[in-house]
Amino acid sequence: MQDQHNGQEENNERTPEEFYASLKNELNKVENFPTNYTYKFIVPTENKKIAQIQGVFDNARPQFSMKESKTGKYTSITVVIFAFDADQVIHFYREVAKVDGVIML
């Protein structure tokens, strides 16, 4: 049977550029910039990884809150910044994505 997708990729196989373009579109629909924007991440509980995520937001005057999992293996990190536009929000997602092992919610 021939593929019915005509060469189009499934949503879960989008390129990063397609994902971020879609995210920008959604952000502009649901957010009224400038606004406070909340990020949520889960990362293995390692001081280096937590510090890397904190460092990404150094110049954004962030508010951080963290909570370790019951087993202590993972830490959830909530970051709130005052975001001027969707491009700024996406910039921080791209930078945090460089941290190995991070899960972005």
PDB file of N, CA and C in Angstrom:
ATOM      1  N   MET A   1       0.847  -1.182   0.000  1.00  0.00           N
ATOM      2  CA  MET A   1       0.000   0.000   0.000  1.00  0.00           C
ATOM      3  C   MET A   1       0.886   1.236   0.000  1.00  0.00           C
ATOM      4  N   GLN A   2       0.499   2.212  -0.760  1.00  0.00           N
ATOM      5  CA  GLN A   2       1.288   3.427  -0.892  1.00  0.00           C
ATOM      6  C   GLN A   2       1.082   4.358   0.306  1.00  0.00           C
ATOM      7  N   ASP A   3       2.118   5.101   0.658  1.00  0.00           N
ATOM      8  CA  ASP A   3       2.068   6.037   1.773  1.00  0.00           C
ATOM      9  C   ASP A   3       1.051   7.140   1.477  1.00  0.00           C
ATOM     10  N   GLN A   4       0.142   7.357   2.404  1.00  0.00           N
ATOM     11  CA  GLN A   4      -0.917   8.344   2.222  1.00  0.00           C
ATOM     12  C   GLN A   4      -0.499   9.756   2.616  1.00  0.00           C
ATOM     13  N   HIS A   5       0.723   9.919   3.119  1.00  0.00           N
ATOM     14  CA  HIS A   5       1.155  11.228   3.604  1.00  0.00           C
ATOM     15  C   HIS A   5       1.748  12.105   2.511  1.00  0.00           C
ATOM     16  N   ASN A   6       1.955  11.565   1.322  1.00  0.00           N
ATOM     17  CA  ASN A   6       2.508  12.333   0.208  1.00  0.00           C
ATOM     18  C   ASN A   6       3.781  13.074   0.586  1.00  0.00           C
ATOM     19  N   GLY A   7       4.629  12.415   1.341  1.00  0.00           N
ATOM     20  CA  GLY A   7       5.918  13.010   1.675  1.00  0.00           C
ATOM     21  C   GLY A   7       5.891  13.930   2.877  1.00  0.00           C
ATOM     22  N   GLN A   8       4.727  14.210   3.437  1.00  0.00           N
ATOM     23  CA  GLN A   8       4.666  15.079   4.597  1.00  0.00           C
ATOM     24  C   GLN A   8       5.017  14.281   5.846  1.00  0.00           C
ATOM     25  N   GLU A   9       5.747  14.921   6.746  1.00  0.00           N
ATOM     26  CA  GLU A   9       6.156  14.252   7.963  1.00  0.00           C
ATOM     27  C   GLU A   9       5.031  14.280   8.987  1.00  0.00           C
ATOM     28  N   GLU A  10       5.047  13.288   9.875  1.00  0.00           N
ATOM     29  CA  GLU A  10       4.120  13.279  10.994  1.00  0.00           C
ATOM     30  C   GLU A  10       4.469  14.451  11.911  1.00  0.00           C
ATOM     31  N   ASN A  11       3.521  14.918  12.713  1.00  0.00           N
ATOM     32  CA  ASN A  11       3.773  16.028  13.626  1.00  0.00           C
ATOM     33  C   ASN A  11       4.933  15.766  14.562  1.00  0.00           C
ATOM     34  N   ASN A  12       5.074  14.520  15.050  1.00  0.00           N
ATOM     35  CA  ASN A  12       6.140  14.230  15.983  1.00  0.00           C
ATOM     36  C   ASN A  12       7.498  14.098  15.307  1.00  0.00           C
ATOM     37  N   GLU A  13       7.550  14.276  14.014  1.00  0.00           N
ATOM     38  CA  GLU A  13       8.812  14.202  13.281  1.00  0.00           C
ATOM     39  C   GLU A  13       9.174  15.545  12.657  1.00  0.00           C
ATOM     40  N   ARG A  14       8.599  16.617  13.161  1.00  0.00           N
ATOM     41  CA  ARG A  14       8.900  17.944  12.627  1.00  0.00           C
ATOM     42  C   ARG A  14      10.346  18.311  12.912  1.00  0.00           C
ATOM     43  N   THR A  15      10.882  19.144  12.052  1.00  0.00           N
ATOM     44  CA  THR A  15      12.220  19.655  12.307  1.00  0.00           C
ATOM     45  C   THR A  15      12.134  20.669  13.445  1.00  0.00           C
ATOM     46  N   PRO A  16      13.263  20.953  14.093  1.00  0.00           N
ATOM     47  CA  PRO A  16      13.223  21.984  15.141  1.00  0.00           C
ATOM     48  C   PRO A  16      12.687  23.317  14.608  1.00  0.00           C
ATOM     49  N   GLU A  17      13.059  23.677  13.399  1.00  0.00           N
ATOM     50  CA  GLU A  17      12.582  24.956  12.848  1.00  0.00           C
ATOM     51  C   GLU A  17      11.069  24.961  12.681  1.00  0.00           C
ATOM     52  N   GLU A  18      10.506  23.850  12.234  1.00  0.00           N
ATOM     53  CA  GLU A  18       9.045  23.761  12.090  1.00  0.00           C
ATOM     54  C   GLU A  18       8.380  23.830  13.461  1.00  0.00           C
ATOM     55  N   PHE A  19       8.964  23.137  14.440  1.00  0.00           N
ATOM     56  CA  PHE A  19       8.417  23.161  15.790  1.00  0.00           C
ATOM     57  C   PHE A  19       8.409  24.578  16.345  1.00  0.00           C
ATOM     58  N   TYR A  20       9.541  25.283  16.247  1.00  0.00           N
ATOM     59  CA  TYR A  20       9.615  26.630  16.817  1.00  0.00           C
ATOM     60  C   TYR A  20       8.740  27.626  16.056  1.00  0.00           C
ATOM     61  N   ALA A  21       8.576  27.441  14.755  1.00  0.00           N
ATOM     62  CA  ALA A  21       7.673  28.311  13.992  1.00  0.00           C
ATOM     63  C   ALA A  21       6.230  28.104  14.458  1.00  0.00           C
ATOM     64  N   SER A  22       5.863  26.855  14.689  1.00  0.00           N
ATOM     65  CA  SER A  22       4.525  26.546  15.182  1.00  0.00           C
ATOM     66  C   SER A  22       4.338  27.088  16.600  1.00  0.00           C
ATOM     67  N   LEU A  23       5.362  26.931  17.433  1.00  0.00           N
ATOM     68  CA  LEU A  23       5.299  27.453  18.799  1.00  0.00           C
ATOM     69  C   LEU A  23       5.127  28.969  18.790  1.00  0.00           C
ATOM     70  N   LYS A  24       5.859  29.655  17.938  1.00  0.00           N
ATOM     71  CA  LYS A  24       5.751  31.113  17.858  1.00  0.00           C
ATOM     72  C   LYS A  24       4.324  31.516  17.483  1.00  0.00           C
ATOM     73  N   ASN A  25       3.750  30.814  16.527  1.00  0.00           N
ATOM     74  CA  ASN A  25       2.381  31.092  16.109  1.00  0.00           C
ATOM     75  C   ASN A  25       1.411  30.898  17.278  1.00  0.00           C
ATOM     76  N   GLU A  26       1.555  29.795  18.005  1.00  0.00           N
ATOM     77  CA  GLU A  26       0.683  29.518  19.149  1.00  0.00           C
ATOM     78  C   GLU A  26       0.872  30.550  20.260  1.00  0.00           C
ATOM     79  N   LEU A  27       2.119  30.892  20.552  1.00  0.00           N
ATOM     80  CA  LEU A  27       2.384  31.892  21.594  1.00  0.00           C
ATOM     81  C   LEU A  27       1.704  33.212  21.267  1.00  0.00           C
ATOM     82  N   ASN A  28       1.798  33.616  20.008  1.00  0.00           N
ATOM     83  CA  ASN A  28       1.185  34.879  19.610  1.00  0.00           C
ATOM     84  C   ASN A  28      -0.338  34.831  19.671  1.00  0.00           C
ATOM     85  N   LYS A  29      -0.911  33.626  19.575  1.00  0.00           N
ATOM     86  CA  LYS A  29      -2.362  33.472  19.693  1.00  0.00           C
ATOM     87  C   LYS A  29      -2.824  33.548  21.144  1.00  0.00           C
ATOM     88  N   VAL A  30      -2.067  32.921  22.052  1.00  0.00           N
ATOM     89  CA  VAL A  30      -2.561  32.760  23.423  1.00  0.00           C
ATOM     90  C   VAL A  30      -1.978  33.735  24.439  1.00  0.00           C
ATOM     91  N   GLU A  31      -0.864  34.355  24.128  1.00  0.00           N
ATOM     92  CA  GLU A  31      -0.233  35.290  25.060  1.00  0.00           C
ATOM     93  C   GLU A  31      -0.462  36.718  24.585  1.00  0.00           C
ATOM     94  N   ASN A  32      -0.501  37.630  25.539  1.00  0.00           N
ATOM     95  CA  ASN A  32      -0.629  39.044  25.217  1.00  0.00           C
ATOM     96  C   ASN A  32       0.676  39.721  25.643  1.00  0.00           C
ATOM     97  N   PHE A  33       1.654  39.719  24.742  1.00  0.00           N
ATOM     98  CA  PHE A  33       2.985  40.261  25.061  1.00  0.00           C
ATOM     99  C   PHE A  33       2.943  41.772  25.132  1.00  0.00           C
ATOM    100  N   PRO A  34       3.770  42.367  25.999  1.00  0.00           N
ATOM    101  CA  PRO A  34       4.674  41.735  26.968  1.00  0.00           C
ATOM    102  C   PRO A  34       3.892  41.160  28.140  1.00  0.00           C
ATOM    103  N   THR A  35       4.441  40.076  28.727  1.00  0.00           N
ATOM    104  CA  THR A  35       3.760  39.384  29.808  1.00  0.00           C
ATOM    105  C   THR A  35       4.740  38.547  30.620  1.00  0.00           C
ATOM    106  N   ASN A  36       4.328  38.147  31.804  1.00  0.00           N
ATOM    107  CA  ASN A  36       5.108  37.163  32.547  1.00  0.00           C
ATOM    108  C   ASN A  36       4.909  35.815  31.867  1.00  0.00           C
ATOM    109  N   TYR A  37       6.006  35.100  31.648  1.00  0.00           N
ATOM    110  CA  TYR A  37       5.940  33.802  30.980  1.00  0.00           C
ATOM    111  C   TYR A  37       6.585  32.762  31.882  1.00  0.00           C
ATOM    112  N   THR A  38       5.920  31.628  32.031  1.00  0.00           N
ATOM    113  CA  THR A  38       6.405  30.567  32.913  1.00  0.00           C
ATOM    114  C   THR A  38       6.928  29.393  32.098  1.00  0.00           C
ATOM    115  N   TYR A  39       8.164  29.006  32.393  1.00  0.00           N
ATOM    116  CA  TYR A  39       8.790  27.813  31.819  1.00  0.00           C
ATOM    117  C   TYR A  39       8.801  26.735  32.886  1.00  0.00           C
ATOM    118  N   LYS A  40       8.683  25.480  32.459  1.00  0.00           N
ATOM    119  CA  LYS A  40       8.813  24.350  33.376  1.00  0.00           C
ATOM    120  C   LYS A  40       9.741  23.321  32.741  1.00  0.00           C
ATOM    121  N   PHE A  41      10.708  22.882  33.544  1.00  0.00           N
ATOM    122  CA  PHE A  41      11.684  21.905  33.084  1.00  0.00           C
ATOM    123  C   PHE A  41      11.863  20.825  34.133  1.00  0.00           C
ATOM    124  N   ILE A  42      12.246  19.644  33.684  1.00  0.00           N
ATOM    125  CA  ILE A  42      12.674  18.575  34.576  1.00  0.00           C
ATOM    126  C   ILE A  42      14.081  18.193  34.138  1.00  0.00           C
ATOM    127  N   VAL A  43      14.958  18.071  35.127  1.00  0.00           N
ATOM    128  CA  VAL A  43      16.356  17.790  34.828  1.00  0.00           C
ATOM    129  C   VAL A  43      16.882  16.814  35.877  1.00  0.00           C
ATOM    130  N   PRO A  44      17.828  15.952  35.483  1.00  0.00           N
ATOM    131  CA  PRO A  44      18.457  15.117  36.505  1.00  0.00           C
ATOM    132  C   PRO A  44      19.043  16.012  37.600  1.00  0.00           C
ATOM    133  N   THR A  45      18.927  15.581  38.847  1.00  0.00           N
ATOM    134  CA  THR A  45      19.397  16.389  39.974  1.00  0.00           C
ATOM    135  C   THR A  45      20.927  16.367  39.997  1.00  0.00           C
ATOM    136  N   GLU A  46      21.494  17.292  39.263  1.00  0.00           N
ATOM    137  CA  GLU A  46      22.946  17.484  39.217  1.00  0.00           C
ATOM    138  C   GLU A  46      23.172  18.992  39.265  1.00  0.00           C
ATOM    139  N   ASN A  47      23.986  19.435  40.193  1.00  0.00           N
ATOM    140  CA  ASN A  47      24.227  20.874  40.350  1.00  0.00           C
ATOM    141  C   ASN A  47      24.655  21.529  39.043  1.00  0.00           C
ATOM    142  N   LYS A  48      25.474  20.841  38.254  1.00  0.00           N
ATOM    143  CA  LYS A  48      25.965  21.417  37.001  1.00  0.00           C
ATOM    144  C   LYS A  48      24.806  21.692  36.031  1.00  0.00           C
ATOM    145  N   LYS A  49      23.901  20.739  35.902  1.00  0.00           N
ATOM    146  CA  LYS A  49      22.775  20.913  34.972  1.00  0.00           C
ATOM    147  C   LYS A  49      21.830  22.011  35.454  1.00  0.00           C
ATOM    148  N   ILE A  50      21.557  22.039  36.754  1.00  0.00           N
ATOM    149  CA  ILE A  50      20.690  23.078  37.310  1.00  0.00           C
ATOM    150  C   ILE A  50      21.323  24.451  37.097  1.00  0.00           C
ATOM    151  N   ALA A  51      22.626  24.541  37.328  1.00  0.00           N
ATOM    152  CA  ALA A  51      23.340  25.808  37.125  1.00  0.00           C
ATOM    153  C   ALA A  51      23.323  26.226  35.659  1.00  0.00           C
ATOM    154  N   GLN A  52      23.417  25.260  34.743  1.00  0.00           N
ATOM    155  CA  GLN A  52      23.364  25.586  33.311  1.00  0.00           C
ATOM    156  C   GLN A  52      22.027  26.226  32.964  1.00  0.00           C
ATOM    157  N   ILE A  53      20.950  25.651  33.477  1.00  0.00           N
ATOM    158  CA  ILE A  53      19.624  26.215  33.192  1.00  0.00           C
ATOM    159  C   ILE A  53      19.496  27.597  33.811  1.00  0.00           C
ATOM    160  N   GLN A  54      19.948  27.750  35.039  1.00  0.00           N
ATOM    161  CA  GLN A  54      19.891  29.064  35.674  1.00  0.00           C
ATOM    162  C   GLN A  54      20.704  30.080  34.872  1.00  0.00           C
ATOM    163  N   GLY A  55      21.850  29.667  34.366  1.00  0.00           N
ATOM    164  CA  GLY A  55      22.713  30.559  33.600  1.00  0.00           C
ATOM    165  C   GLY A  55      22.079  31.059  32.317  1.00  0.00           C
ATOM    166  N   VAL A  56      21.228  30.241  31.714  1.00  0.00           N
ATOM    167  CA  VAL A  56      20.547  30.645  30.478  1.00  0.00           C
ATOM    168  C   VAL A  56      19.736  31.921  30.707  1.00  0.00           C
ATOM    169  N   PHE A  57      19.176  32.047  31.901  1.00  0.00           N
ATOM    170  CA  PHE A  57      18.267  33.153  32.205  1.00  0.00           C
ATOM    171  C   PHE A  57      18.937  34.307  32.942  1.00  0.00           C
ATOM    172  N   ASP A  58      20.263  34.300  33.030  1.00  0.00           N
ATOM    173  CA  ASP A  58      20.998  35.290  33.825  1.00  0.00           C
ATOM    174  C   ASP A  58      20.569  36.736  33.581  1.00  0.00           C
ATOM    175  N   ASN A  59      20.361  37.122  32.344  1.00  0.00           N
ATOM    176  CA  ASN A  59      20.067  38.522  32.032  1.00  0.00           C
ATOM    177  C   ASN A  59      18.576  38.821  31.916  1.00  0.00           C
ATOM    178  N   ALA A  60      17.728  37.867  32.339  1.00  0.00           N
ATOM    179  CA  ALA A  60      16.283  38.034  32.173  1.00  0.00           C
ATOM    180  C   ALA A  60      15.551  38.339  33.482  1.00  0.00           C
ATOM    181  N   ARG A  61      16.292  38.575  34.564  1.00  0.00           N
ATOM    182  CA  ARG A  61      15.693  38.831  35.878  1.00  0.00           C
ATOM    183  C   ARG A  61      14.670  37.756  36.237  1.00  0.00           C
ATOM    184  N   PRO A  62      15.099  36.490  36.219  1.00  0.00           N
ATOM    185  CA  PRO A  62      14.167  35.378  36.426  1.00  0.00           C
ATOM    186  C   PRO A  62      13.786  35.168  37.885  1.00  0.00           C
ATOM    187  N   GLN A  63      12.654  34.529  38.073  1.00  0.00           N
ATOM    188  CA  GLN A  63      12.253  34.018  39.384  1.00  0.00           C
ATOM    189  C   GLN A  63      12.278  32.491  39.245  1.00  0.00           C
ATOM    190  N   PHE A  64      13.053  31.836  40.104  1.00  0.00           N
ATOM    191  CA  PHE A  64      13.188  30.382  40.052  1.00  0.00           C
ATOM    192  C   PHE A  64      12.500  29.729  41.235  1.00  0.00           C
ATOM    193  N   SER A  65      11.913  28.568  40.994  1.00  0.00           N
ATOM    194  CA  SER A  65      11.515  27.684  42.086  1.00  0.00           C
ATOM    195  C   SER A  65      11.867  26.268  41.657  1.00  0.00           C
ATOM    196  N   MET A  66      12.312  25.466  42.629  1.00  0.00           N
ATOM    197  CA  MET A  66      12.756  24.114  42.333  1.00  0.00           C
ATOM    198  C   MET A  66      12.197  23.142  43.341  1.00  0.00           C
ATOM    199  N   LYS A  67      11.993  21.920  42.873  1.00  0.00           N
ATOM    200  CA  LYS A  67      11.506  20.873  43.752  1.00  0.00           C
ATOM    201  C   LYS A  67      12.097  19.544  43.301  1.00  0.00           C
ATOM    202  N   GLU A  68      12.723  18.842  44.247  1.00  0.00           N
ATOM    203  CA  GLU A  68      13.268  17.525  43.938  1.00  0.00           C
ATOM    204  C   GLU A  68      12.160  16.486  43.936  1.00  0.00           C
ATOM    205  N   SER A  69      12.332  15.462  43.094  1.00  0.00           N
ATOM    206  CA  SER A  69      11.404  14.339  43.092  1.00  0.00           C
ATOM    207  C   SER A  69      11.552  13.562  44.406  1.00  0.00           C
ATOM    208  N   LYS A  70      10.601  12.699  44.684  1.00  0.00           N
ATOM    209  CA  LYS A  70      10.644  11.918  45.927  1.00  0.00           C
ATOM    210  C   LYS A  70      11.937  11.117  46.044  1.00  0.00           C
ATOM    211  N   THR A  71      12.421  10.592  44.919  1.00  0.00           N
ATOM    212  CA  THR A  71      13.640   9.784  44.946  1.00  0.00           C
ATOM    213  C   THR A  71      14.902  10.632  44.902  1.00  0.00           C
ATOM    214  N   GLY A  72      14.749  11.922  44.580  1.00  0.00           N
ATOM    215  CA  GLY A  72      15.903  12.801  44.483  1.00  0.00           C
ATOM    216  C   GLY A  72      16.653  12.708  43.172  1.00  0.00           C
ATOM    217  N   LYS A  73      16.173  11.870  42.253  1.00  0.00           N
ATOM    218  CA  LYS A  73      16.858  11.700  40.964  1.00  0.00           C
ATOM    219  C   LYS A  73      16.652  12.891  40.035  1.00  0.00           C
ATOM    220  N   TYR A  74      15.502  13.540  40.152  1.00  0.00           N
ATOM    221  CA  TYR A  74      15.149  14.633  39.248  1.00  0.00           C
ATOM    222  C   TYR A  74      14.740  15.864  40.035  1.00  0.00           C
ATOM    223  N   THR A  75      14.928  17.014  39.390  1.00  0.00           N
ATOM    224  CA  THR A  75      14.489  18.285  39.954  1.00  0.00           C
ATOM    225  C   THR A  75      13.609  18.983  38.927  1.00  0.00           C
ATOM    226  N   SER A  76      12.444  19.443  39.380  1.00  0.00           N
ATOM    227  CA  SER A  76      11.611  20.264  38.498  1.00  0.00           C
ATOM    228  C   SER A  76      11.988  21.720  38.760  1.00  0.00           C
ATOM    229  N   ILE A  77      12.107  22.446  37.681  1.00  0.00           N
ATOM    230  CA  ILE A  77      12.502  23.855  37.753  1.00  0.00           C
ATOM    231  C   ILE A  77      11.421  24.684  37.070  1.00  0.00           C
ATOM    232  N   THR A  78      10.908  25.663  37.794  1.00  0.00           N
ATOM    233  CA  THR A  78       9.963  26.613  37.226  1.00  0.00           C
ATOM    234  C   THR A  78      10.674  27.957  37.144  1.00  0.00           C
ATOM    235  N   VAL A  79      10.587  28.579  35.972  1.00  0.00           N
ATOM    236  CA  VAL A  79      11.238  29.871  35.748  1.00  0.00           C
ATOM    237  C   VAL A  79      10.181  30.838  35.228  1.00  0.00           C
ATOM    238  N   VAL A  80      10.096  32.004  35.856  1.00  0.00           N
ATOM    239  CA  VAL A  80       9.175  33.040  35.386  1.00  0.00           C
ATOM    240  C   VAL A  80      10.007  34.254  34.991  1.00  0.00           C
ATOM    241  N   ILE A  81       9.781  34.718  33.769  1.00  0.00           N
ATOM    242  CA  ILE A  81      10.447  35.945  33.298  1.00  0.00           C
ATOM    243  C   ILE A  81       9.391  36.890  32.742  1.00  0.00           C
ATOM    244  N   PHE A  82       9.770  38.142  32.601  1.00  0.00           N
ATOM    245  CA  PHE A  82       8.932  39.098  31.894  1.00  0.00           C
ATOM    246  C   PHE A  82       9.378  39.053  30.445  1.00  0.00           C
ATOM    247  N   ALA A  83       8.520  38.492  29.584  1.00  0.00           N
ATOM    248  CA  ALA A  83       8.866  38.300  28.172  1.00  0.00           C
ATOM    249  C   ALA A  83       8.247  39.401  27.318  1.00  0.00           C
ATOM    250  N   PHE A  84       9.056  39.945  26.435  1.00  0.00           N
ATOM    251  CA  PHE A  84       8.593  41.033  25.571  1.00  0.00           C
ATOM    252  C   PHE A  84       7.880  40.528  24.321  1.00  0.00           C
ATOM    253  N   ASP A  85       8.269  39.331  23.834  1.00  0.00           N
ATOM    254  CA  ASP A  85       7.633  38.788  22.634  1.00  0.00           C
ATOM    255  C   ASP A  85       7.916  37.290  22.523  1.00  0.00           C
ATOM    256  N   ALA A  86       7.255  36.649  21.552  1.00  0.00           N
ATOM    257  CA  ALA A  86       7.407  35.204  21.354  1.00  0.00           C
ATOM    258  C   ALA A  86       8.841  34.834  20.998  1.00  0.00           C
ATOM    259  N   ASP A  87       9.528  35.689  20.260  1.00  0.00           N
ATOM    260  CA  ASP A  87      10.919  35.392  19.887  1.00  0.00           C
ATOM    261  C   ASP A  87      11.805  35.258  21.123  1.00  0.00           C
ATOM    262  N   GLN A  88      11.573  36.087  22.124  1.00  0.00           N
ATOM    263  CA  GLN A  88      12.352  35.998  23.356  1.00  0.00           C
ATOM    264  C   GLN A  88      12.052  34.679  24.076  1.00  0.00           C
ATOM    265  N   VAL A  89      10.783  34.293  24.152  1.00  0.00           N
ATOM    266  CA  VAL A  89      10.403  33.030  24.780  1.00  0.00           C
ATOM    267  C   VAL A  89      11.113  31.872  24.078  1.00  0.00           C
ATOM    268  N   ILE A  90      11.070  31.863  22.772  1.00  0.00           N
ATOM    269  CA  ILE A  90      11.683  30.784  21.987  1.00  0.00           C
ATOM    270  C   ILE A  90      13.190  30.781  22.151  1.00  0.00           C
ATOM    271  N   HIS A  91      13.804  31.946  22.226  1.00  0.00           N
ATOM    272  CA  HIS A  91      15.250  32.026  22.436  1.00  0.00           C
ATOM    273  C   HIS A  91      15.655  31.218  23.666  1.00  0.00           C
ATOM    274  N   PHE A  92      14.923  31.393  24.764  1.00  0.00           N
ATOM    275  CA  PHE A  92      15.271  30.681  25.994  1.00  0.00           C
ATOM    276  C   PHE A  92      15.003  29.186  25.872  1.00  0.00           C
ATOM    277  N   TYR A  93      13.934  28.790  25.188  1.00  0.00           N
ATOM    278  CA  TYR A  93      13.709  27.362  24.952  1.00  0.00           C
ATOM    279  C   TYR A  93      14.872  26.752  24.171  1.00  0.00           C
ATOM    280  N   ARG A  94      15.329  27.446  23.146  1.00  0.00           N
ATOM    281  CA  ARG A  94      16.454  26.937  22.340  1.00  0.00           C
ATOM    282  C   ARG A  94      17.714  26.778  23.182  1.00  0.00           C
ATOM    283  N   GLU A  95      17.972  27.730  24.055  1.00  0.00           N
ATOM    284  CA  GLU A  95      19.176  27.676  24.883  1.00  0.00           C
ATOM    285  C   GLU A  95      19.084  26.555  25.918  1.00  0.00           C
ATOM    286  N   VAL A  96      17.928  26.402  26.542  1.00  0.00           N
ATOM    287  CA  VAL A  96      17.768  25.336  27.537  1.00  0.00           C
ATOM    288  C   VAL A  96      17.847  23.966  26.864  1.00  0.00           C
ATOM    289  N   ALA A  97      17.377  23.865  25.627  1.00  0.00           N
ATOM    290  CA  ALA A  97      17.425  22.590  24.905  1.00  0.00           C
ATOM    291  C   ALA A  97      18.858  22.081  24.735  1.00  0.00           C
ATOM    292  N   LYS A  98      19.840  22.950  24.863  1.00  0.00           N
ATOM    293  CA  LYS A  98      21.243  22.553  24.735  1.00  0.00           C
ATOM    294  C   LYS A  98      21.747  21.812  25.983  1.00  0.00           C
ATOM    295  N   VAL A  99      21.002  21.881  27.082  1.00  0.00           N
ATOM    296  CA  VAL A  99      21.393  21.211  28.318  1.00  0.00           C
ATOM    297  C   VAL A  99      21.010  19.733  28.189  1.00  0.00           C
ATOM    298  N   ASP A 100      21.992  18.869  28.291  1.00  0.00           N
ATOM    299  CA  ASP A 100      21.778  17.441  28.128  1.00  0.00           C
ATOM    300  C   ASP A 100      20.855  16.889  29.215  1.00  0.00           C
ATOM    301  N   GLY A 101      19.837  16.132  28.809  1.00  0.00           N
ATOM    302  CA  GLY A 101      18.963  15.465  29.752  1.00  0.00           C
ATOM    303  C   GLY A 101      17.770  16.264  30.224  1.00  0.00           C
ATOM    304  N   VAL A 102      17.617  17.486  29.749  1.00  0.00           N
ATOM    305  CA  VAL A 102      16.496  18.315  30.202  1.00  0.00           C
ATOM    306  C   VAL A 102      15.211  17.908  29.479  1.00  0.00           C
ATOM    307  N   ILE A 103      14.117  17.934  30.215  1.00  0.00           N
ATOM    308  CA  ILE A 103      12.795  17.712  29.642  1.00  0.00           C
ATOM    309  C   ILE A 103      12.040  19.021  29.757  1.00  0.00           C
ATOM    310  N   MET A 104      11.528  19.507  28.639  1.00  0.00           N
ATOM    311  CA  MET A 104      10.803  20.772  28.640  1.00  0.00           C
ATOM    312  C   MET A 104       9.307  20.470  28.609  1.00  0.00           C
ATOM    313  N   LEU A 105       8.591  21.051  29.555  1.00  0.00           N
ATOM    314  CA  LEU A 105       7.143  20.824  29.629  1.00  0.00           C
ATOM    315  C   LEU A 105       6.389  22.009  29.057  1.00  0.00           C
TER     316      LEU A 105
END
